[in-house]
Amino acid sequence: GKKLGTLHLRNIYDVNVSRVIRGD
């Protein structure tokens, strides 16, 4: 239920999330 932006993956881990697959 968290918004992707609130995880700050880019700033904390220096990675990018390009897409999210949910089911198909």
PDBML (XML) file of the C-alpha atoms, coordinates in Angstrom:
<?xml version="1.0" encoding="UTF-8" ?>
<PDBx:datablock datablockName="MODEL"
   xmlns:PDBx="http://pdbml.pdb.org/schema/pdbx-v50.xsd"
   xmlns:xsi="http://www.w3.org/2001/XMLSchema-instance"
   xsi:schemaLocation="http://pdbml.pdb.org/schema/pdbx-v50.xsd pdbx-v50.xsd">
   <PDBx:atom_siteCategory>
      <PDBx:atom_site id="1">
         <PDBx:B_iso_or_equiv>0.00</PDBx:B_iso_or_equiv>
         <PDBx:Cartn_x>0.000</PDBx:Cartn_x>
         <PDBx:Cartn_y>0.000</PDBx:Cartn_y>
         <PDBx:Cartn_z>0.000</PDBx:Cartn_z>
         <PDBx:auth_asym_id>A</PDBx:auth_asym_id>
         <PDBx:auth_atom_id>CA</PDBx:auth_atom_id>
         <PDBx:auth_comp_id>GLY</PDBx:auth_comp_id>
         <PDBx:auth_seq_id>1</PDBx:auth_seq_id>
         <PDBx:group_PDB>ATOM</PDBx:group_PDB>
         <PDBx:label_alt_id xsi:nil="true" />
         <PDBx:label_asym_id>A</PDBx:label_asym_id>
         <PDBx:label_atom_id>CA</PDBx:label_atom_id>
         <PDBx:label_comp_id>GLY</PDBx:label_comp_id>
         <PDBx:label_entity_id>1</PDBx:label_entity_id>
         <PDBx:label_seq_id>1</PDBx:label_seq_id>
         <PDBx:occupancy>1.00</PDBx:occupancy>
         <PDBx:pdbx_PDB_model_num>1</PDBx:pdbx_PDB_model_num>
         <PDBx:type_symbol>C</PDBx:type_symbol>
      </PDBx:atom_site>
      <PDBx:atom_site id="2">
         <PDBx:B_iso_or_equiv>0.00</PDBx:B_iso_or_equiv>
         <PDBx:Cartn_x>2.987</PDBx:Cartn_x>
         <PDBx:Cartn_y>2.357</PDBx:Cartn_y>
         <PDBx:Cartn_z>0.057</PDBx:Cartn_z>
         <PDBx:auth_asym_id>A</PDBx:auth_asym_id>
         <PDBx:auth_atom_id>CA</PDBx:auth_atom_id>
         <PDBx:auth_comp_id>LYS</PDBx:auth_comp_id>
         <PDBx:auth_seq_id>2</PDBx:auth_seq_id>
         <PDBx:group_PDB>ATOM</PDBx:group_PDB>
         <PDBx:label_alt_id xsi:nil="true" />
         <PDBx:label_asym_id>A</PDBx:label_asym_id>
         <PDBx:label_atom_id>CA</PDBx:label_atom_id>
         <PDBx:label_comp_id>LYS</PDBx:label_comp_id>
         <PDBx:label_entity_id>1</PDBx:label_entity_id>
         <PDBx:label_seq_id>2</PDBx:label_seq_id>
         <PDBx:occupancy>1.00</PDBx:occupancy>
         <PDBx:pdbx_PDB_model_num>1</PDBx:pdbx_PDB_model_num>
         <PDBx:type_symbol>C</PDBx:type_symbol>
      </PDBx:atom_site>
      <PDBx:atom_site id="3">
         <PDBx:B_iso_or_equiv>0.00</PDBx:B_iso_or_equiv>
         <PDBx:Cartn_x>3.502</PDBx:Cartn_x>
         <PDBx:Cartn_y>4.750</PDBx:Cartn_y>
         <PDBx:Cartn_z>-2.836</PDBx:Cartn_z>
         <PDBx:auth_asym_id>A</PDBx:auth_asym_id>
         <PDBx:auth_atom_id>CA</PDBx:auth_atom_id>
         <PDBx:auth_comp_id>LYS</PDBx:auth_comp_id>
         <PDBx:auth_seq_id>3</PDBx:auth_seq_id>
         <PDBx:group_PDB>ATOM</PDBx:group_PDB>
         <PDBx:label_alt_id xsi:nil="true" />
         <PDBx:label_asym_id>A</PDBx:label_asym_id>
         <PDBx:label_atom_id>CA</PDBx:label_atom_id>
         <PDBx:label_comp_id>LYS</PDBx:label_comp_id>
         <PDBx:label_entity_id>1</PDBx:label_entity_id>
         <PDBx:label_seq_id>3</PDBx:label_seq_id>
         <PDBx:occupancy>1.00</PDBx:occupancy>
         <PDBx:pdbx_PDB_model_num>1</PDBx:pdbx_PDB_model_num>
         <PDBx:type_symbol>C</PDBx:type_symbol>
      </PDBx:atom_site>
      <PDBx:atom_site id="4">
         <PDBx:B_iso_or_equiv>0.00</PDBx:B_iso_or_equiv>
         <PDBx:Cartn_x>6.630</PDBx:Cartn_x>
         <PDBx:Cartn_y>3.952</PDBx:Cartn_y>
         <PDBx:Cartn_z>-4.809</PDBx:Cartn_z>
         <PDBx:auth_asym_id>A</PDBx:auth_asym_id>
         <PDBx:auth_atom_id>CA</PDBx:auth_atom_id>
         <PDBx:auth_comp_id>LEU</PDBx:auth_comp_id>
         <PDBx:auth_seq_id>4</PDBx:auth_seq_id>
         <PDBx:group_PDB>ATOM</PDBx:group_PDB>
         <PDBx:label_alt_id xsi:nil="true" />
         <PDBx:label_asym_id>A</PDBx:label_asym_id>
         <PDBx:label_atom_id>CA</PDBx:label_atom_id>
         <PDBx:label_comp_id>LEU</PDBx:label_comp_id>
         <PDBx:label_entity_id>1</PDBx:label_entity_id>
         <PDBx:label_seq_id>4</PDBx:label_seq_id>
         <PDBx:occupancy>1.00</PDBx:occupancy>
         <PDBx:pdbx_PDB_model_num>1</PDBx:pdbx_PDB_model_num>
         <PDBx:type_symbol>C</PDBx:type_symbol>
      </PDBx:atom_site>
      <PDBx:atom_site id="5">
         <PDBx:B_iso_or_equiv>0.00</PDBx:B_iso_or_equiv>
         <PDBx:Cartn_x>7.966</PDBx:Cartn_x>
         <PDBx:Cartn_y>7.483</PDBx:Cartn_y>
         <PDBx:Cartn_z>-4.419</PDBx:Cartn_z>
         <PDBx:auth_asym_id>A</PDBx:auth_asym_id>
         <PDBx:auth_atom_id>CA</PDBx:auth_atom_id>
         <PDBx:auth_comp_id>GLY</PDBx:auth_comp_id>
         <PDBx:auth_seq_id>5</PDBx:auth_seq_id>
         <PDBx:group_PDB>ATOM</PDBx:group_PDB>
         <PDBx:label_alt_id xsi:nil="true" />
         <PDBx:label_asym_id>A</PDBx:label_asym_id>
         <PDBx:label_atom_id>CA</PDBx:label_atom_id>
         <PDBx:label_comp_id>GLY</PDBx:label_comp_id>
         <PDBx:label_entity_id>1</PDBx:label_entity_id>
         <PDBx:label_seq_id>5</PDBx:label_seq_id>
         <PDBx:occupancy>1.00</PDBx:occupancy>
         <PDBx:pdbx_PDB_model_num>1</PDBx:pdbx_PDB_model_num>
         <PDBx:type_symbol>C</PDBx:type_symbol>
      </PDBx:atom_site>
      <PDBx:atom_site id="6">
         <PDBx:B_iso_or_equiv>0.00</PDBx:B_iso_or_equiv>
         <PDBx:Cartn_x>7.881</PDBx:Cartn_x>
         <PDBx:Cartn_y>7.290</PDBx:Cartn_y>
         <PDBx:Cartn_z>-0.609</PDBx:Cartn_z>
         <PDBx:auth_asym_id>A</PDBx:auth_asym_id>
         <PDBx:auth_atom_id>CA</PDBx:auth_atom_id>
         <PDBx:auth_comp_id>THR</PDBx:auth_comp_id>
         <PDBx:auth_seq_id>6</PDBx:auth_seq_id>
         <PDBx:group_PDB>ATOM</PDBx:group_PDB>
         <PDBx:label_alt_id xsi:nil="true" />
         <PDBx:label_asym_id>A</PDBx:label_asym_id>
         <PDBx:label_atom_id>CA</PDBx:label_atom_id>
         <PDBx:label_comp_id>THR</PDBx:label_comp_id>
         <PDBx:label_entity_id>1</PDBx:label_entity_id>
         <PDBx:label_seq_id>6</PDBx:label_seq_id>
         <PDBx:occupancy>1.00</PDBx:occupancy>
         <PDBx:pdbx_PDB_model_num>1</PDBx:pdbx_PDB_model_num>
         <PDBx:type_symbol>C</PDBx:type_symbol>
      </PDBx:atom_site>
      <PDBx:atom_site id="7">
         <PDBx:B_iso_or_equiv>0.00</PDBx:B_iso_or_equiv>
         <PDBx:Cartn_x>10.425</PDBx:Cartn_x>
         <PDBx:Cartn_y>4.436</PDBx:Cartn_y>
         <PDBx:Cartn_z>-0.627</PDBx:Cartn_z>
         <PDBx:auth_asym_id>A</PDBx:auth_asym_id>
         <PDBx:auth_atom_id>CA</PDBx:auth_atom_id>
         <PDBx:auth_comp_id>LEU</PDBx:auth_comp_id>
         <PDBx:auth_seq_id>7</PDBx:auth_seq_id>
         <PDBx:group_PDB>ATOM</PDBx:group_PDB>
         <PDBx:label_alt_id xsi:nil="true" />
         <PDBx:label_asym_id>A</PDBx:label_asym_id>
         <PDBx:label_atom_id>CA</PDBx:label_atom_id>
         <PDBx:label_comp_id>LEU</PDBx:label_comp_id>
         <PDBx:label_entity_id>1</PDBx:label_entity_id>
         <PDBx:label_seq_id>7</PDBx:label_seq_id>
         <PDBx:occupancy>1.00</PDBx:occupancy>
         <PDBx:pdbx_PDB_model_num>1</PDBx:pdbx_PDB_model_num>
         <PDBx:type_symbol>C</PDBx:type_symbol>
      </PDBx:atom_site>
      <PDBx:atom_site id="8">
         <PDBx:B_iso_or_equiv>0.00</PDBx:B_iso_or_equiv>
         <PDBx:Cartn_x>13.152</PDBx:Cartn_x>
         <PDBx:Cartn_y>6.731</PDBx:Cartn_y>
         <PDBx:Cartn_z>-2.076</PDBx:Cartn_z>
         <PDBx:auth_asym_id>A</PDBx:auth_asym_id>
         <PDBx:auth_atom_id>CA</PDBx:auth_atom_id>
         <PDBx:auth_comp_id>HIS</PDBx:auth_comp_id>
         <PDBx:auth_seq_id>8</PDBx:auth_seq_id>
         <PDBx:group_PDB>ATOM</PDBx:group_PDB>
         <PDBx:label_alt_id xsi:nil="true" />
         <PDBx:label_asym_id>A</PDBx:label_asym_id>
         <PDBx:label_atom_id>CA</PDBx:label_atom_id>
         <PDBx:label_comp_id>HIS</PDBx:label_comp_id>
         <PDBx:label_entity_id>1</PDBx:label_entity_id>
         <PDBx:label_seq_id>8</PDBx:label_seq_id>
         <PDBx:occupancy>1.00</PDBx:occupancy>
         <PDBx:pdbx_PDB_model_num>1</PDBx:pdbx_PDB_model_num>
         <PDBx:type_symbol>C</PDBx:type_symbol>
      </PDBx:atom_site>
      <PDBx:atom_site id="9">
         <PDBx:B_iso_or_equiv>0.00</PDBx:B_iso_or_equiv>
         <PDBx:Cartn_x>14.849</PDBx:Cartn_x>
         <PDBx:Cartn_y>3.775</PDBx:Cartn_y>
         <PDBx:Cartn_z>-3.742</PDBx:Cartn_z>
         <PDBx:auth_asym_id>A</PDBx:auth_asym_id>
         <PDBx:auth_atom_id>CA</PDBx:auth_atom_id>
         <PDBx:auth_comp_id>LEU</PDBx:auth_comp_id>
         <PDBx:auth_seq_id>9</PDBx:auth_seq_id>
         <PDBx:group_PDB>ATOM</PDBx:group_PDB>
         <PDBx:label_alt_id xsi:nil="true" />
         <PDBx:label_asym_id>A</PDBx:label_asym_id>
         <PDBx:label_atom_id>CA</PDBx:label_atom_id>
         <PDBx:label_comp_id>LEU</PDBx:label_comp_id>
         <PDBx:label_entity_id>1</PDBx:label_entity_id>
         <PDBx:label_seq_id>9</PDBx:label_seq_id>
         <PDBx:occupancy>1.00</PDBx:occupancy>
         <PDBx:pdbx_PDB_model_num>1</PDBx:pdbx_PDB_model_num>
         <PDBx:type_symbol>C</PDBx:type_symbol>
      </PDBx:atom_site>
      <PDBx:atom_site id="10">
         <PDBx:B_iso_or_equiv>0.00</PDBx:B_iso_or_equiv>
         <PDBx:Cartn_x>16.728</PDBx:Cartn_x>
         <PDBx:Cartn_y>6.035</PDBx:Cartn_y>
         <PDBx:Cartn_z>-6.156</PDBx:Cartn_z>
         <PDBx:auth_asym_id>A</PDBx:auth_asym_id>
         <PDBx:auth_atom_id>CA</PDBx:auth_atom_id>
         <PDBx:auth_comp_id>ARG</PDBx:auth_comp_id>
         <PDBx:auth_seq_id>10</PDBx:auth_seq_id>
         <PDBx:group_PDB>ATOM</PDBx:group_PDB>
         <PDBx:label_alt_id xsi:nil="true" />
         <PDBx:label_asym_id>A</PDBx:label_asym_id>
         <PDBx:label_atom_id>CA</PDBx:label_atom_id>
         <PDBx:label_comp_id>ARG</PDBx:label_comp_id>
         <PDBx:label_entity_id>1</PDBx:label_entity_id>
         <PDBx:label_seq_id>10</PDBx:label_seq_id>
         <PDBx:occupancy>1.00</PDBx:occupancy>
         <PDBx:pdbx_PDB_model_num>1</PDBx:pdbx_PDB_model_num>
         <PDBx:type_symbol>C</PDBx:type_symbol>
      </PDBx:atom_site>
      <PDBx:atom_site id="11">
         <PDBx:B_iso_or_equiv>0.00</PDBx:B_iso_or_equiv>
         <PDBx:Cartn_x>18.208</PDBx:Cartn_x>
         <PDBx:Cartn_y>8.272</PDBx:Cartn_y>
         <PDBx:Cartn_z>-3.472</PDBx:Cartn_z>
         <PDBx:auth_asym_id>A</PDBx:auth_asym_id>
         <PDBx:auth_atom_id>CA</PDBx:auth_atom_id>
         <PDBx:auth_comp_id>ASN</PDBx:auth_comp_id>
         <PDBx:auth_seq_id>11</PDBx:auth_seq_id>
         <PDBx:group_PDB>ATOM</PDBx:group_PDB>
         <PDBx:label_alt_id xsi:nil="true" />
         <PDBx:label_asym_id>A</PDBx:label_asym_id>
         <PDBx:label_atom_id>CA</PDBx:label_atom_id>
         <PDBx:label_comp_id>ASN</PDBx:label_comp_id>
         <PDBx:label_entity_id>1</PDBx:label_entity_id>
         <PDBx:label_seq_id>11</PDBx:label_seq_id>
         <PDBx:occupancy>1.00</PDBx:occupancy>
         <PDBx:pdbx_PDB_model_num>1</PDBx:pdbx_PDB_model_num>
         <PDBx:type_symbol>C</PDBx:type_symbol>
      </PDBx:atom_site>
      <PDBx:atom_site id="12">
         <PDBx:B_iso_or_equiv>0.00</PDBx:B_iso_or_equiv>
         <PDBx:Cartn_x>18.930</PDBx:Cartn_x>
         <PDBx:Cartn_y>5.593</PDBx:Cartn_y>
         <PDBx:Cartn_z>-0.854</PDBx:Cartn_z>
         <PDBx:auth_asym_id>A</PDBx:auth_asym_id>
         <PDBx:auth_atom_id>CA</PDBx:auth_atom_id>
         <PDBx:auth_comp_id>ILE</PDBx:auth_comp_id>
         <PDBx:auth_seq_id>12</PDBx:auth_seq_id>
         <PDBx:group_PDB>ATOM</PDBx:group_PDB>
         <PDBx:label_alt_id xsi:nil="true" />
         <PDBx:label_asym_id>A</PDBx:label_asym_id>
         <PDBx:label_atom_id>CA</PDBx:label_atom_id>
         <PDBx:label_comp_id>ILE</PDBx:label_comp_id>
         <PDBx:label_entity_id>1</PDBx:label_entity_id>
         <PDBx:label_seq_id>12</PDBx:label_seq_id>
         <PDBx:occupancy>1.00</PDBx:occupancy>
         <PDBx:pdbx_PDB_model_num>1</PDBx:pdbx_PDB_model_num>
         <PDBx:type_symbol>C</PDBx:type_symbol>
      </PDBx:atom_site>
      <PDBx:atom_site id="13">
         <PDBx:B_iso_or_equiv>0.00</PDBx:B_iso_or_equiv>
         <PDBx:Cartn_x>20.038</PDBx:Cartn_x>
         <PDBx:Cartn_y>2.650</PDBx:Cartn_y>
         <PDBx:Cartn_z>-2.989</PDBx:Cartn_z>
         <PDBx:auth_asym_id>A</PDBx:auth_asym_id>
         <PDBx:auth_atom_id>CA</PDBx:auth_atom_id>
         <PDBx:auth_comp_id>TYR</PDBx:auth_comp_id>
         <PDBx:auth_seq_id>13</PDBx:auth_seq_id>
         <PDBx:group_PDB>ATOM</PDBx:group_PDB>
         <PDBx:label_alt_id xsi:nil="true" />
         <PDBx:label_asym_id>A</PDBx:label_asym_id>
         <PDBx:label_atom_id>CA</PDBx:label_atom_id>
         <PDBx:label_comp_id>TYR</PDBx:label_comp_id>
         <PDBx:label_entity_id>1</PDBx:label_entity_id>
         <PDBx:label_seq_id>13</PDBx:label_seq_id>
         <PDBx:occupancy>1.00</PDBx:occupancy>
         <PDBx:pdbx_PDB_model_num>1</PDBx:pdbx_PDB_model_num>
         <PDBx:type_symbol>C</PDBx:type_symbol>
      </PDBx:atom_site>
      <PDBx:atom_site id="14">
         <PDBx:B_iso_or_equiv>0.00</PDBx:B_iso_or_equiv>
         <PDBx:Cartn_x>21.043</PDBx:Cartn_x>
         <PDBx:Cartn_y>4.390</PDBx:Cartn_y>
         <PDBx:Cartn_z>-6.240</PDBx:Cartn_z>
         <PDBx:auth_asym_id>A</PDBx:auth_asym_id>
         <PDBx:auth_atom_id>CA</PDBx:auth_atom_id>
         <PDBx:auth_comp_id>ASP</PDBx:auth_comp_id>
         <PDBx:auth_seq_id>14</PDBx:auth_seq_id>
         <PDBx:group_PDB>ATOM</PDBx:group_PDB>
         <PDBx:label_alt_id xsi:nil="true" />
         <PDBx:label_asym_id>A</PDBx:label_asym_id>
         <PDBx:label_atom_id>CA</PDBx:label_atom_id>
         <PDBx:label_comp_id>ASP</PDBx:label_comp_id>
         <PDBx:label_entity_id>1</PDBx:label_entity_id>
         <PDBx:label_seq_id>14</PDBx:label_seq_id>
         <PDBx:occupancy>1.00</PDBx:occupancy>
         <PDBx:pdbx_PDB_model_num>1</PDBx:pdbx_PDB_model_num>
         <PDBx:type_symbol>C</PDBx:type_symbol>
      </PDBx:atom_site>
      <PDBx:atom_site id="15">
         <PDBx:B_iso_or_equiv>0.00</PDBx:B_iso_or_equiv>
         <PDBx:Cartn_x>18.696</PDBx:Cartn_x>
         <PDBx:Cartn_y>2.252</PDBx:Cartn_y>
         <PDBx:Cartn_z>-8.370</PDBx:Cartn_z>
         <PDBx:auth_asym_id>A</PDBx:auth_asym_id>
         <PDBx:auth_atom_id>CA</PDBx:auth_atom_id>
         <PDBx:auth_comp_id>VAL</PDBx:auth_comp_id>
         <PDBx:auth_seq_id>15</PDBx:auth_seq_id>
         <PDBx:group_PDB>ATOM</PDBx:group_PDB>
         <PDBx:label_alt_id xsi:nil="true" />
         <PDBx:label_asym_id>A</PDBx:label_asym_id>
         <PDBx:label_atom_id>CA</PDBx:label_atom_id>
         <PDBx:label_comp_id>VAL</PDBx:label_comp_id>
         <PDBx:label_entity_id>1</PDBx:label_entity_id>
         <PDBx:label_seq_id>15</PDBx:label_seq_id>
         <PDBx:occupancy>1.00</PDBx:occupancy>
         <PDBx:pdbx_PDB_model_num>1</PDBx:pdbx_PDB_model_num>
         <PDBx:type_symbol>C</PDBx:type_symbol>
      </PDBx:atom_site>
      <PDBx:atom_site id="16">
         <PDBx:B_iso_or_equiv>0.00</PDBx:B_iso_or_equiv>
         <PDBx:Cartn_x>15.787</PDBx:Cartn_x>
         <PDBx:Cartn_y>2.950</PDBx:Cartn_y>
         <PDBx:Cartn_z>-10.691</PDBx:Cartn_z>
         <PDBx:auth_asym_id>A</PDBx:auth_asym_id>
         <PDBx:auth_atom_id>CA</PDBx:auth_atom_id>
         <PDBx:auth_comp_id>ASN</PDBx:auth_comp_id>
         <PDBx:auth_seq_id>16</PDBx:auth_seq_id>
         <PDBx:group_PDB>ATOM</PDBx:group_PDB>
         <PDBx:label_alt_id xsi:nil="true" />
         <PDBx:label_asym_id>A</PDBx:label_asym_id>
         <PDBx:label_atom_id>CA</PDBx:label_atom_id>
         <PDBx:label_comp_id>ASN</PDBx:label_comp_id>
         <PDBx:label_entity_id>1</PDBx:label_entity_id>
         <PDBx:label_seq_id>16</PDBx:label_seq_id>
         <PDBx:occupancy>1.00</PDBx:occupancy>
         <PDBx:pdbx_PDB_model_num>1</PDBx:pdbx_PDB_model_num>
         <PDBx:type_symbol>C</PDBx:type_symbol>
      </PDBx:atom_site>
      <PDBx:atom_site id="17">
         <PDBx:B_iso_or_equiv>0.00</PDBx:B_iso_or_equiv>
         <PDBx:Cartn_x>12.469</PDBx:Cartn_x>
         <PDBx:Cartn_y>1.093</PDBx:Cartn_y>
         <PDBx:Cartn_z>-10.884</PDBx:Cartn_z>
         <PDBx:auth_asym_id>A</PDBx:auth_asym_id>
         <PDBx:auth_atom_id>CA</PDBx:auth_atom_id>
         <PDBx:auth_comp_id>VAL</PDBx:auth_comp_id>
         <PDBx:auth_seq_id>17</PDBx:auth_seq_id>
         <PDBx:group_PDB>ATOM</PDBx:group_PDB>
         <PDBx:label_alt_id xsi:nil="true" />
         <PDBx:label_asym_id>A</PDBx:label_asym_id>
         <PDBx:label_atom_id>CA</PDBx:label_atom_id>
         <PDBx:label_comp_id>VAL</PDBx:label_comp_id>
         <PDBx:label_entity_id>1</PDBx:label_entity_id>
         <PDBx:label_seq_id>17</PDBx:label_seq_id>
         <PDBx:occupancy>1.00</PDBx:occupancy>
         <PDBx:pdbx_PDB_model_num>1</PDBx:pdbx_PDB_model_num>
         <PDBx:type_symbol>C</PDBx:type_symbol>
      </PDBx:atom_site>
      <PDBx:atom_site id="18">
         <PDBx:B_iso_or_equiv>0.00</PDBx:B_iso_or_equiv>
         <PDBx:Cartn_x>11.469</PDBx:Cartn_x>
         <PDBx:Cartn_y>1.093</PDBx:Cartn_y>
         <PDBx:Cartn_z>-14.553</PDBx:Cartn_z>
         <PDBx:auth_asym_id>A</PDBx:auth_asym_id>
         <PDBx:auth_atom_id>CA</PDBx:auth_atom_id>
         <PDBx:auth_comp_id>SER</PDBx:auth_comp_id>
         <PDBx:auth_seq_id>18</PDBx:auth_seq_id>
         <PDBx:group_PDB>ATOM</PDBx:group_PDB>
         <PDBx:label_alt_id xsi:nil="true" />
         <PDBx:label_asym_id>A</PDBx:label_asym_id>
         <PDBx:label_atom_id>CA</PDBx:label_atom_id>
         <PDBx:label_comp_id>SER</PDBx:label_comp_id>
         <PDBx:label_entity_id>1</PDBx:label_entity_id>
         <PDBx:label_seq_id>18</PDBx:label_seq_id>
         <PDBx:occupancy>1.00</PDBx:occupancy>
         <PDBx:pdbx_PDB_model_num>1</PDBx:pdbx_PDB_model_num>
         <PDBx:type_symbol>C</PDBx:type_symbol>
      </PDBx:atom_site>
      <PDBx:atom_site id="19">
         <PDBx:B_iso_or_equiv>0.00</PDBx:B_iso_or_equiv>
         <PDBx:Cartn_x>8.210</PDBx:Cartn_x>
         <PDBx:Cartn_y>-0.870</PDBx:Cartn_y>
         <PDBx:Cartn_z>-14.372</PDBx:Cartn_z>
         <PDBx:auth_asym_id>A</PDBx:auth_asym_id>
         <PDBx:auth_atom_id>CA</PDBx:auth_atom_id>
         <PDBx:auth_comp_id>ARG</PDBx:auth_comp_id>
         <PDBx:auth_seq_id>19</PDBx:auth_seq_id>
         <PDBx:group_PDB>ATOM</PDBx:group_PDB>
         <PDBx:label_alt_id xsi:nil="true" />
         <PDBx:label_asym_id>A</PDBx:label_asym_id>
         <PDBx:label_atom_id>CA</PDBx:label_atom_id>
         <PDBx:label_comp_id>ARG</PDBx:label_comp_id>
         <PDBx:label_entity_id>1</PDBx:label_entity_id>
         <PDBx:label_seq_id>19</PDBx:label_seq_id>
         <PDBx:occupancy>1.00</PDBx:occupancy>
         <PDBx:pdbx_PDB_model_num>1</PDBx:pdbx_PDB_model_num>
         <PDBx:type_symbol>C</PDBx:type_symbol>
      </PDBx:atom_site>
      <PDBx:atom_site id="20">
         <PDBx:B_iso_or_equiv>0.00</PDBx:B_iso_or_equiv>
         <PDBx:Cartn_x>5.934</PDBx:Cartn_x>
         <PDBx:Cartn_y>-2.806</PDBx:Cartn_y>
         <PDBx:Cartn_z>-12.038</PDBx:Cartn_z>
         <PDBx:auth_asym_id>A</PDBx:auth_asym_id>
         <PDBx:auth_atom_id>CA</PDBx:auth_atom_id>
         <PDBx:auth_comp_id>VAL</PDBx:auth_comp_id>
         <PDBx:auth_seq_id>20</PDBx:auth_seq_id>
         <PDBx:group_PDB>ATOM</PDBx:group_PDB>
         <PDBx:label_alt_id xsi:nil="true" />
         <PDBx:label_asym_id>A</PDBx:label_asym_id>
         <PDBx:label_atom_id>CA</PDBx:label_atom_id>
         <PDBx:label_comp_id>VAL</PDBx:label_comp_id>
         <PDBx:label_entity_id>1</PDBx:label_entity_id>
         <PDBx:label_seq_id>20</PDBx:label_seq_id>
         <PDBx:occupancy>1.00</PDBx:occupancy>
         <PDBx:pdbx_PDB_model_num>1</PDBx:pdbx_PDB_model_num>
         <PDBx:type_symbol>C</PDBx:type_symbol>
      </PDBx:atom_site>
      <PDBx:atom_site id="21">
         <PDBx:B_iso_or_equiv>0.00</PDBx:B_iso_or_equiv>
         <PDBx:Cartn_x>4.225</PDBx:Cartn_x>
         <PDBx:Cartn_y>-6.006</PDBx:Cartn_y>
         <PDBx:Cartn_z>-13.162</PDBx:Cartn_z>
         <PDBx:auth_asym_id>A</PDBx:auth_asym_id>
         <PDBx:auth_atom_id>CA</PDBx:auth_atom_id>
         <PDBx:auth_comp_id>ILE</PDBx:auth_comp_id>
         <PDBx:auth_seq_id>21</PDBx:auth_seq_id>
         <PDBx:group_PDB>ATOM</PDBx:group_PDB>
         <PDBx:label_alt_id xsi:nil="true" />
         <PDBx:label_asym_id>A</PDBx:label_asym_id>
         <PDBx:label_atom_id>CA</PDBx:label_atom_id>
         <PDBx:label_comp_id>ILE</PDBx:label_comp_id>
         <PDBx:label_entity_id>1</PDBx:label_entity_id>
         <PDBx:label_seq_id>21</PDBx:label_seq_id>
         <PDBx:occupancy>1.00</PDBx:occupancy>
         <PDBx:pdbx_PDB_model_num>1</PDBx:pdbx_PDB_model_num>
         <PDBx:type_symbol>C</PDBx:type_symbol>
      </PDBx:atom_site>
      <PDBx:atom_site id="22">
         <PDBx:B_iso_or_equiv>0.00</PDBx:B_iso_or_equiv>
         <PDBx:Cartn_x>0.933</PDBx:Cartn_x>
         <PDBx:Cartn_y>-6.785</PDBx:Cartn_y>
         <PDBx:Cartn_z>-11.393</PDBx:Cartn_z>
         <PDBx:auth_asym_id>A</PDBx:auth_asym_id>
         <PDBx:auth_atom_id>CA</PDBx:auth_atom_id>
         <PDBx:auth_comp_id>ARG</PDBx:auth_comp_id>
         <PDBx:auth_seq_id>22</PDBx:auth_seq_id>
         <PDBx:group_PDB>ATOM</PDBx:group_PDB>
         <PDBx:label_alt_id xsi:nil="true" />
         <PDBx:label_asym_id>A</PDBx:label_asym_id>
         <PDBx:label_atom_id>CA</PDBx:label_atom_id>
         <PDBx:label_comp_id>ARG</PDBx:label_comp_id>
         <PDBx:label_entity_id>1</PDBx:label_entity_id>
         <PDBx:label_seq_id>22</PDBx:label_seq_id>
         <PDBx:occupancy>1.00</PDBx:occupancy>
         <PDBx:pdbx_PDB_model_num>1</PDBx:pdbx_PDB_model_num>
         <PDBx:type_symbol>C</PDBx:type_symbol>
      </PDBx:atom_site>
      <PDBx:atom_site id="23">
         <PDBx:B_iso_or_equiv>0.00</PDBx:B_iso_or_equiv>
         <PDBx:Cartn_x>-0.571</PDBx:Cartn_x>
         <PDBx:Cartn_y>-10.055</PDBx:Cartn_y>
         <PDBx:Cartn_z>-12.547</PDBx:Cartn_z>
         <PDBx:auth_asym_id>A</PDBx:auth_asym_id>
         <PDBx:auth_atom_id>CA</PDBx:auth_atom_id>
         <PDBx:auth_comp_id>GLY</PDBx:auth_comp_id>
         <PDBx:auth_seq_id>23</PDBx:auth_seq_id>
         <PDBx:group_PDB>ATOM</PDBx:group_PDB>
         <PDBx:label_alt_id xsi:nil="true" />
         <PDBx:label_asym_id>A</PDBx:label_asym_id>
         <PDBx:label_atom_id>CA</PDBx:label_atom_id>
         <PDBx:label_comp_id>GLY</PDBx:label_comp_id>
         <PDBx:label_entity_id>1</PDBx:label_entity_id>
         <PDBx:label_seq_id>23</PDBx:label_seq_id>
         <PDBx:occupancy>1.00</PDBx:occupancy>
         <PDBx:pdbx_PDB_model_num>1</PDBx:pdbx_PDB_model_num>
         <PDBx:type_symbol>C</PDBx:type_symbol>
      </PDBx:atom_site>
      <PDBx:atom_site id="24">
         <PDBx:B_iso_or_equiv>0.00</PDBx:B_iso_or_equiv>
         <PDBx:Cartn_x>-0.325</PDBx:Cartn_x>
         <PDBx:Cartn_y>-9.796</PDBx:Cartn_y>
         <PDBx:Cartn_z>-16.346</PDBx:Cartn_z>
         <PDBx:auth_asym_id>A</PDBx:auth_asym_id>
         <PDBx:auth_atom_id>CA</PDBx:auth_atom_id>
         <PDBx:auth_comp_id>ASP</PDBx:auth_comp_id>
         <PDBx:auth_seq_id>24</PDBx:auth_seq_id>
         <PDBx:group_PDB>ATOM</PDBx:group_PDB>
         <PDBx:label_alt_id xsi:nil="true" />
         <PDBx:label_asym_id>A</PDBx:label_asym_id>
         <PDBx:label_atom_id>CA</PDBx:label_atom_id>
         <PDBx:label_comp_id>ASP</PDBx:label_comp_id>
         <PDBx:label_entity_id>1</PDBx:label_entity_id>
         <PDBx:label_seq_id>24</PDBx:label_seq_id>
         <PDBx:occupancy>1.00</PDBx:occupancy>
         <PDBx:pdbx_PDB_model_num>1</PDBx:pdbx_PDB_model_num>
         <PDBx:type_symbol>C</PDBx:type_symbol>
      </PDBx:atom_site>
   </PDBx:atom_siteCategory>
</PDBx:datablock>
